[in-house]
Amino acid sequence: MKNIAIIGSVGYPSKYGNTETFVKHLVEDLGNKVRFTVYCSANKFKKSERLKSTFKLRTVYLPFKTNGFQGVLYQLISMIHALFVSKTFLILGVSGCFALPLLRIFTSKKLIVNIDEIGYNNRNLLVRVLLKWSEKIAVKWAHSIVTNNEAIKQYFYTEYSVLSERIEYGSDHMSKFVPDKSDYTKYLFLGNRFALTVARIEPENNIEIILKAFTKIDHNLVVVGNWNQTKYARNLKSKYAGFSNIILLNDNIKQQTIDFFRSHCSVYIHGNSTNKSNLTLIENMYLSVPIIAFDIDFNKETTEYKSEYFSSVDSLRDAISMINFFELNKNGEKMFEIAMRRYLWQNTSSNFLRLFLTDKHVLNQSKKIHYLNFKNQKYLQAQELYQLLYKRHYFEEID
């Protein structure tokens, strides 16, 4: 049985965010076909929560955080340990990928790098430079690059002439929750139409644009987030908490409560403006929730350009003010259809299994587009990459 080392996540079982949900489904879907070694950040798991290793799953706990400079150490130490237990590395993110040349030259390990973010624009300058450098090394030395969004895939086409594997995350772990009488008493807004946003209170999520738009219209807005964690969040809370149609809730409420908010909102406002995978968007699509998303190609590609989009206070205000609820419900049905066609965990796991079982030399063949072919219209058309000749029409330029 092949042993796959998963490097770079917080760990298993799922404790945090997109990547960990992905790891959870990968481990549980493929646990009978391959053996996983999952590296875990020890400070995220109490000793009572840590799993003992079994024949099918080994968990290794390391005393590092997964972000910042500790994240680099976390990936490096994980790789060193994995040298002795696994022949295939699934590396999540590029933090430690500057070590890949050594792994390629001195070992026979298969190296698969999963990248769900480009731009790194929420980090400081030094970290952005290091991540960009590590990204270049990952592209050159990995046997396979995996991306989970067409906008990211096109970025690697045009930036590095690399054909990555697009494997999208799933959303079908979601289910609708029905509120009971006590919920209607506790959360009075459930009895009326309301828009919903669930996000970290950070500038990249355009929370102030959303809040300001709803001060200008008579429509309820519920925002669930970390309102007390940062100065930025506290200032926004102080500024907008006094509006009667704006309800600000801390994110320490139960996930089930958040999920039934999502199941029953009239529209979901998705403000994320980074080129990074955001599981929340496709989860809402699977719940048939109508979407109004921030106007970047990343969000447009995810929703197949069939949602509504905003880029400013006025455009969001206009989109809400002119809501036709019949058309809105049709939008929700379109989102569900896309989710059922594209965002299923079974598809995600089966595609990764194919990579795990494919010979590494086959993975590495034709990964790079030859310069002449990259400029050749017939070649691009045959490979269904004709759009690369017009890259500015298809994705945002990354600073």
Protein backbone atom coordinates (compact mmCIF):
# COMPACT_ATOMS: atom_id res chain seq x y z
CA MET A 1 0.00 0.00 0.00
CA LYS A 2 1.43 3.40 -1.01
CA ASN A 3 2.26 5.80 1.80
CA ILE A 4 1.40 9.43 1.10
CA ALA A 5 2.85 12.19 3.31
CA ILE A 6 0.56 15.22 3.61
CA ILE A 7 2.72 18.23 4.48
CA GLY A 8 1.64 21.78 5.31
CA SER A 9 -1.86 21.51 6.80
CA VAL A 10 -2.87 22.20 10.40
CA GLY A 11 -3.61 18.49 10.61
CA TYR A 12 -6.25 15.81 11.03
CA PRO A 13 -9.01 15.63 12.13
CA SER A 14 -10.19 18.90 10.64
CA LYS A 15 -9.64 21.83 13.00
CA TYR A 16 -9.37 24.86 10.76
CA GLY A 17 -10.26 26.16 7.34
CA ASN A 18 -10.22 25.12 3.71
CA THR A 19 -7.05 23.05 3.61
CA GLU A 20 -7.96 20.95 6.62
CA THR A 21 -11.42 20.19 5.25
CA PHE A 22 -9.68 19.03 2.06
CA VAL A 23 -7.29 16.81 4.07
CA LYS A 24 -10.20 15.34 6.04
CA HIS A 25 -12.02 14.23 2.90
CA LEU A 26 -8.87 12.97 1.22
CA VAL A 27 -7.97 10.80 4.23
CA GLU A 28 -11.49 9.48 4.75
CA ASP A 29 -12.23 8.84 1.07
CA LEU A 30 -8.93 7.16 0.21
CA GLY A 31 -8.01 5.55 3.53
CA ASN A 32 -8.66 2.05 2.17
CA LYS A 33 -6.54 2.58 -0.96
CA VAL A 34 -3.42 4.34 0.37
CA ARG A 35 -1.86 4.97 3.76
CA PHE A 36 -1.50 8.60 4.81
CA THR A 37 1.04 10.22 7.10
CA VAL A 38 -0.44 13.57 8.11
CA TYR A 39 1.78 16.19 9.74
CA CYS A 40 -0.07 18.21 12.38
CA SER A 41 0.60 21.49 14.18
CA ALA A 42 0.76 20.38 17.83
CA ASN A 43 -0.40 23.71 19.27
CA LYS A 44 -3.77 23.28 17.51
CA PHE A 45 -4.54 19.95 19.17
CA LYS A 46 -4.95 19.21 22.86
CA LYS A 47 -3.30 15.97 23.92
CA SER A 48 -6.74 14.42 24.40
CA GLU A 49 -7.60 15.27 20.77
CA ARG A 50 -4.52 13.74 19.18
CA LEU A 51 -5.05 10.54 17.23
CA LYS A 52 -2.90 7.48 17.70
CA SER A 53 -1.34 6.12 14.52
CA THR A 54 -2.93 3.06 12.94
CA PHE A 55 -2.10 0.82 10.01
CA LYS A 56 -4.07 3.13 7.69
CA LEU A 57 -3.18 6.53 9.15
CA ARG A 58 -0.11 7.92 10.87
CA THR A 59 -0.29 11.34 12.56
CA VAL A 60 2.90 13.24 13.42
CA TYR A 61 2.65 16.28 15.71
CA LEU A 62 5.27 19.02 15.38
CA PRO A 63 5.66 22.11 17.65
CA PHE A 64 5.30 24.73 14.91
CA LYS A 65 2.62 27.05 13.59
CA THR A 66 1.59 26.68 9.94
CA ASN A 67 2.01 30.34 8.95
CA GLY A 68 4.80 32.91 8.89
CA PHE A 69 8.40 31.81 9.31
CA GLN A 70 7.33 28.97 11.59
CA GLY A 71 5.35 27.65 8.62
CA VAL A 72 8.61 27.34 6.67
CA LEU A 73 10.19 25.32 9.50
CA TYR A 74 7.03 23.25 9.81
CA GLN A 75 7.21 22.17 6.16
CA LEU A 76 10.97 21.57 6.23
CA ILE A 77 10.92 19.38 9.36
CA SER A 78 7.92 17.51 7.98
CA MET A 79 9.81 16.79 4.75
CA ILE A 80 12.85 15.52 6.65
CA HIS A 81 10.72 13.16 8.72
CA ALA A 82 8.76 12.05 5.64
CA LEU A 83 11.99 10.97 3.93
CA PHE A 84 11.97 7.90 6.19
CA VAL A 85 8.29 6.94 5.93
CA SER A 86 6.93 7.86 2.50
CA LYS A 87 7.79 7.84 -1.20
CA THR A 88 5.14 10.39 -2.22
CA PHE A 89 4.88 13.91 -0.78
CA LEU A 90 1.68 15.97 -1.13
CA ILE A 91 2.87 19.46 -0.18
CA LEU A 92 0.16 22.03 0.56
CA GLY A 93 1.42 25.50 -0.25
CA VAL A 94 4.90 26.63 -1.17
CA SER A 95 6.40 27.74 2.16
CA GLY A 96 9.12 25.09 2.24
CA CYS A 97 9.39 24.32 -1.46
CA PHE A 98 12.86 25.83 -1.80
CA ALA A 99 14.02 22.43 -0.49
CA LEU A 100 12.60 20.59 -3.53
CA PRO A 101 15.82 20.71 -5.62
CA LEU A 102 17.63 18.73 -2.90
CA LEU A 103 14.77 16.22 -2.73
CA ARG A 104 14.79 15.78 -6.52
CA ILE A 105 18.57 15.44 -6.80
CA PHE A 106 19.32 13.24 -3.80
CA THR A 107 16.11 11.18 -3.35
CA SER A 108 13.60 9.32 -5.49
CA LYS A 109 10.52 10.84 -3.85
CA LYS A 110 7.46 11.81 -5.91
CA LEU A 111 6.70 15.50 -5.27
CA ILE A 112 3.17 16.87 -5.75
CA VAL A 113 2.55 20.50 -4.77
CA ASN A 114 -1.01 21.75 -4.24
CA ILE A 115 -1.28 25.55 -4.64
CA ASP A 116 -4.56 27.27 -3.81
CA GLU A 117 -3.31 30.85 -3.60
CA ILE A 118 -1.44 33.35 -5.77
CA GLY A 119 -0.30 36.87 -5.05
CA TYR A 120 0.18 36.40 -1.28
CA ASN A 121 -1.01 39.98 -0.92
CA ASN A 122 -2.06 39.64 2.72
CA ARG A 123 1.56 39.13 3.89
CA ASN A 124 4.38 41.58 4.50
CA LEU A 125 6.84 42.37 1.72
CA LEU A 126 9.61 40.02 2.86
CA VAL A 127 7.23 37.05 3.19
CA ARG A 128 5.72 37.82 -0.24
CA VAL A 129 9.20 37.83 -1.82
CA LEU A 130 10.13 34.53 -0.15
CA LEU A 131 6.86 32.88 -1.16
CA LYS A 132 7.23 34.05 -4.75
CA TRP A 133 10.78 32.65 -4.86
CA SER A 134 9.60 29.37 -3.35
CA GLU A 135 6.74 29.24 -5.87
CA LYS A 136 9.21 29.49 -8.77
CA ILE A 137 11.24 26.63 -7.32
CA ALA A 138 8.11 24.52 -6.80
CA VAL A 139 7.12 24.99 -10.45
CA LYS A 140 10.57 23.96 -11.67
CA TRP A 141 11.20 20.97 -9.40
CA ALA A 142 7.85 19.38 -8.48
CA HIS A 143 6.67 16.38 -10.49
CA SER A 144 3.16 17.85 -10.56
CA ILE A 145 1.56 21.20 -9.69
CA VAL A 146 -2.09 21.04 -8.63
CA THR A 147 -4.36 24.10 -8.74
CA ASN A 148 -8.04 24.20 -7.83
CA ASN A 149 -9.33 27.18 -9.76
CA GLU A 150 -9.12 28.10 -13.45
CA ALA A 151 -7.83 31.58 -12.59
CA ILE A 152 -4.87 30.05 -10.70
CA LYS A 153 -4.31 27.54 -13.50
CA GLN A 154 -4.16 30.32 -16.09
CA TYR A 155 -1.73 32.24 -13.88
CA PHE A 156 0.69 29.29 -14.02
CA TYR A 157 0.17 29.03 -17.79
CA THR A 158 1.17 32.60 -18.41
CA GLU A 159 3.70 33.15 -15.61
CA TYR A 160 5.69 29.93 -16.00
CA SER A 161 4.36 28.17 -19.15
CA VAL A 162 3.30 25.28 -16.91
CA LEU A 163 0.36 22.93 -17.39
CA SER A 164 -0.96 22.32 -13.87
CA GLU A 165 -3.62 19.81 -12.85
CA ARG A 166 -6.88 21.52 -11.93
CA ILE A 167 -8.55 19.59 -9.10
CA GLU A 168 -11.30 21.51 -7.37
CA TYR A 169 -12.40 21.17 -3.74
CA GLY A 170 -15.78 19.67 -2.87
CA SER A 171 -18.79 21.27 -1.21
CA ASP A 172 -21.16 18.33 -0.67
CA HIS A 173 -20.31 17.99 3.02
CA MET A 174 -22.90 20.72 3.57
CA SER A 175 -26.53 20.11 4.53
CA LYS A 176 -29.44 22.42 5.26
CA PHE A 177 -30.41 22.95 8.91
CA VAL A 178 -33.96 23.73 9.95
CA PRO A 179 -34.25 26.21 12.84
CA ASP A 180 -36.62 25.42 15.71
CA LYS A 181 -38.79 27.82 17.73
CA SER A 182 -36.01 28.69 20.16
CA ASP A 183 -33.81 29.78 17.24
CA TYR A 184 -36.47 32.20 15.99
CA THR A 185 -36.67 33.63 19.52
CA LYS A 186 -32.91 33.98 19.88
CA TYR A 187 -32.26 35.29 16.35
CA LEU A 188 -35.20 37.54 15.45
CA PHE A 189 -33.85 38.25 11.95
CA LEU A 190 -34.66 34.64 10.92
CA GLY A 191 -38.28 35.67 10.53
CA ASN A 192 -37.45 38.15 7.75
CA ARG A 193 -35.33 38.26 4.62
CA PHE A 194 -31.68 38.91 5.41
CA ALA A 195 -28.35 39.00 3.59
CA LEU A 196 -25.45 37.13 5.18
CA THR A 197 -21.66 37.42 5.24
CA VAL A 198 -19.39 35.03 7.16
CA ALA A 199 -15.73 36.07 7.02
CA ARG A 200 -12.61 37.16 8.86
CA ILE A 201 -12.88 40.90 9.48
CA GLU A 202 -9.98 41.95 7.26
CA PRO A 203 -9.63 44.52 4.45
CA GLU A 204 -9.21 41.78 1.82
CA ASN A 205 -12.78 40.65 2.54
CA ASN A 206 -14.21 44.14 1.82
CA ILE A 207 -16.31 44.11 4.98
CA GLU A 208 -16.55 47.91 5.17
CA ILE A 209 -17.85 48.15 1.61
CA ILE A 210 -20.57 45.63 2.51
CA LEU A 211 -21.48 47.39 5.77
CA LYS A 212 -21.55 50.85 4.19
CA ALA A 213 -23.79 49.64 1.35
CA PHE A 214 -26.38 48.38 3.83
CA THR A 215 -26.49 51.69 5.69
CA LYS A 216 -28.05 53.10 2.52
CA ILE A 217 -30.83 50.50 2.04
CA ASP A 218 -33.68 48.97 4.00
CA HIS A 219 -32.56 45.34 4.03
CA ASN A 220 -31.23 43.31 6.96
CA LEU A 221 -27.58 42.26 6.97
CA VAL A 222 -26.00 39.68 9.29
CA VAL A 223 -22.19 39.56 9.47
CA VAL A 224 -20.51 36.74 11.41
CA GLY A 225 -16.83 37.36 12.10
CA ASN A 226 -13.98 37.86 14.58
CA TRP A 227 -15.18 41.28 15.71
CA ASN A 228 -13.08 41.48 18.88
CA GLN A 229 -9.78 40.09 17.59
CA THR A 230 -8.13 43.07 15.87
CA LYS A 231 -8.17 46.86 16.10
CA TYR A 232 -9.50 47.02 12.53
CA ALA A 233 -12.44 44.76 13.43
CA ARG A 234 -13.22 46.61 16.65
CA ASN A 235 -13.26 49.97 14.85
CA LEU A 236 -15.71 48.66 12.23
CA LYS A 237 -17.91 47.19 14.94
CA SER A 238 -18.00 50.48 16.81
CA LYS A 239 -18.82 52.39 13.60
CA TYR A 240 -21.65 50.17 12.27
CA ALA A 241 -23.17 48.36 15.26
CA GLY A 242 -25.70 51.18 15.80
CA PHE A 243 -27.61 50.57 12.54
CA SER A 244 -30.89 48.75 13.22
CA ASN A 245 -30.71 46.64 10.04
CA ILE A 246 -27.10 45.49 10.64
CA ILE A 247 -26.52 42.56 13.01
CA LEU A 248 -22.90 41.80 13.96
CA LEU A 249 -22.29 38.37 15.52
CA ASN A 250 -19.04 36.95 16.87
CA ASP A 251 -17.74 33.81 15.19
CA ASN A 252 -17.62 31.83 18.46
CA ILE A 253 -21.16 30.57 17.85
CA LYS A 254 -21.62 26.93 16.84
CA GLN A 255 -20.89 25.96 13.24
CA GLN A 256 -24.35 24.40 13.03
CA THR A 257 -25.86 27.80 13.86
CA ILE A 258 -23.84 29.47 11.13
CA ASP A 259 -24.89 26.73 8.70
CA PHE A 260 -28.58 27.27 9.27
CA PHE A 261 -28.05 31.02 8.82
CA ARG A 262 -26.57 30.12 5.44
CA SER A 263 -29.44 27.73 4.72
CA HIS A 264 -32.06 30.43 5.21
CA CYS A 265 -30.54 33.75 4.13
CA SER A 266 -32.05 35.47 1.10
CA VAL A 267 -28.63 36.19 -0.41
CA TYR A 268 -24.99 35.58 0.50
CA ILE A 269 -22.50 38.46 0.09
CA HIS A 270 -19.03 37.08 -0.69
CA GLY A 271 -16.50 39.88 -0.27
CA ASN A 272 -13.21 37.98 -0.62
CA SER A 273 -10.96 39.75 -3.11
CA THR A 274 -7.83 37.59 -2.97
CA ASN A 275 -6.69 35.01 -5.49
CA LYS A 276 -7.07 32.26 -2.93
CA SER A 277 -9.44 29.32 -2.68
CA ASN A 278 -12.36 30.07 -0.40
CA LEU A 279 -14.45 27.06 0.58
CA THR A 280 -17.25 29.26 1.92
CA LEU A 281 -18.23 30.34 -1.59
CA ILE A 282 -18.76 26.85 -2.99
CA GLU A 283 -20.40 25.68 0.25
CA ASN A 284 -23.06 28.35 -0.20
CA MET A 285 -23.45 27.38 -3.83
CA TYR A 286 -24.15 23.77 -2.79
CA LEU A 287 -26.85 25.07 -0.40
CA SER A 288 -28.58 26.78 -3.38
CA VAL A 289 -27.92 30.19 -1.86
CA PRO A 290 -28.02 33.14 -4.30
CA ILE A 291 -24.58 34.78 -4.45
CA ILE A 292 -23.41 38.37 -4.84
CA ALA A 293 -19.60 38.13 -5.04
CA PHE A 294 -16.79 40.63 -5.23
CA ASP A 295 -15.91 41.34 -8.84
CA ILE A 296 -12.65 39.47 -9.49
CA ASP A 297 -12.06 36.72 -12.03
CA PHE A 298 -11.35 34.20 -9.28
CA ASN A 299 -14.93 34.50 -7.97
CA LYS A 300 -16.37 34.77 -11.48
CA GLU A 301 -14.70 31.57 -12.64
CA THR A 302 -15.89 29.72 -9.53
CA THR A 303 -19.49 30.76 -10.22
CA GLU A 304 -19.08 30.42 -14.01
CA TYR A 305 -19.91 34.12 -14.49
CA LYS A 306 -23.55 33.35 -13.58
CA SER A 307 -23.78 35.12 -10.23
CA GLU A 308 -24.15 38.81 -9.40
CA TYR A 309 -21.00 40.85 -8.70
CA PHE A 310 -20.03 44.09 -6.96
CA SER A 311 -16.90 46.22 -6.76
CA SER A 312 -17.99 49.26 -4.74
CA VAL A 313 -20.51 50.50 -2.18
CA ASP A 314 -22.77 51.84 -4.95
CA SER A 315 -22.70 48.68 -7.06
CA LEU A 316 -23.58 46.50 -4.05
CA ARG A 317 -26.29 48.91 -2.93
CA ASP A 318 -27.80 48.86 -6.42
CA ALA A 319 -27.61 45.06 -6.62
CA ILE A 320 -29.49 44.70 -3.32
CA SER A 321 -31.97 47.51 -4.03
CA MET A 322 -33.00 46.01 -7.38
CA ILE A 323 -33.33 42.43 -6.14
CA ASN A 324 -36.02 40.44 -7.89
CA PHE A 325 -36.57 37.49 -5.55
CA PHE A 326 -37.86 35.24 -8.33
CA GLU A 327 -34.66 35.87 -10.31
CA LEU A 328 -32.66 35.52 -7.09
CA ASN A 329 -34.06 32.03 -6.48
CA LYS A 330 -33.15 31.08 -10.06
CA ASN A 331 -29.63 32.30 -9.31
CA GLY A 332 -29.52 29.96 -6.30
CA GLU A 333 -30.60 27.05 -8.51
CA LYS A 334 -27.79 27.86 -10.98
CA MET A 335 -25.24 27.90 -8.13
CA PHE A 336 -26.44 24.47 -6.95
CA GLU A 337 -26.21 23.04 -10.47
CA ILE A 338 -22.61 24.23 -10.78
CA ALA A 339 -21.72 22.82 -7.35
CA MET A 340 -23.22 19.41 -8.20
CA ARG A 341 -21.32 19.32 -11.47
CA ARG A 342 -17.94 20.58 -10.28
CA TYR A 343 -17.54 20.67 -6.50
CA LEU A 344 -17.92 17.09 -5.21
CA TRP A 345 -15.40 15.50 -2.83
CA GLN A 346 -15.62 12.18 -4.65
CA ASN A 347 -14.21 13.86 -7.76
CA THR A 348 -11.49 15.59 -5.72
CA SER A 349 -10.35 12.35 -4.06
CA SER A 350 -10.45 10.22 -7.21
CA ASN A 351 -8.33 12.76 -9.11
CA PHE A 352 -5.73 12.86 -6.35
CA LEU A 353 -5.69 9.06 -6.22
CA ARG A 354 -4.87 9.09 -9.93
CA LEU A 355 -1.90 11.37 -9.25
CA PHE A 356 -0.72 9.23 -6.34
CA LEU A 357 -0.76 6.09 -8.49
CA THR A 358 0.73 7.64 -11.65
CA ASP A 359 4.43 7.09 -12.25
CA LYS A 360 6.34 10.24 -11.33
CA HIS A 361 8.13 10.30 -14.69
CA VAL A 362 4.77 10.35 -16.48
CA LEU A 363 3.63 13.18 -14.21
CA ASN A 364 6.66 15.18 -15.21
CA GLN A 365 6.22 14.72 -18.98
CA SER A 366 5.01 17.72 -20.99
CA LYS A 367 4.55 19.76 -17.86
CA LYS A 368 6.11 22.80 -19.50
CA ILE A 369 4.83 24.30 -22.72
CA HIS A 370 7.71 24.81 -25.16
CA TYR A 371 8.10 28.52 -25.98
CA LEU A 372 7.31 28.01 -29.68
CA ASN A 373 4.20 25.98 -28.84
CA PHE A 374 3.18 28.59 -26.29
CA LYS A 375 3.04 31.13 -29.14
CA ASN A 376 1.58 28.71 -31.67
CA GLN A 377 -2.16 29.22 -32.20
CA LYS A 378 -2.82 25.73 -33.57
CA TYR A 379 -1.04 24.07 -30.63
CA LEU A 380 -2.93 26.15 -28.07
CA GLN A 381 -6.24 25.50 -29.81
CA ALA A 382 -5.58 21.74 -29.90
CA GLN A 383 -4.80 21.82 -26.17
CA GLU A 384 -7.91 23.95 -25.49
CA LEU A 385 -5.59 26.74 -24.32
CA TYR A 386 -6.37 29.21 -27.10
CA GLN A 387 -7.38 31.83 -24.52
CA LEU A 388 -3.73 32.21 -23.48
CA LEU A 389 -3.14 34.44 -26.47
CA TYR A 390 -5.50 36.92 -24.77
CA LYS A 391 -4.53 36.45 -21.14
CA ARG A 392 -5.59 39.93 -20.00
CA HIS A 393 -9.19 39.04 -20.82
CA TYR A 394 -9.19 35.98 -18.61
CA PHE A 395 -7.61 36.69 -15.25
CA GLU A 396 -6.42 39.47 -12.99
CA GLU A 397 -2.80 40.55 -13.33
CA ILE A 398 -0.92 39.74 -10.11
CA ASP A 399 1.29 42.43 -8.61
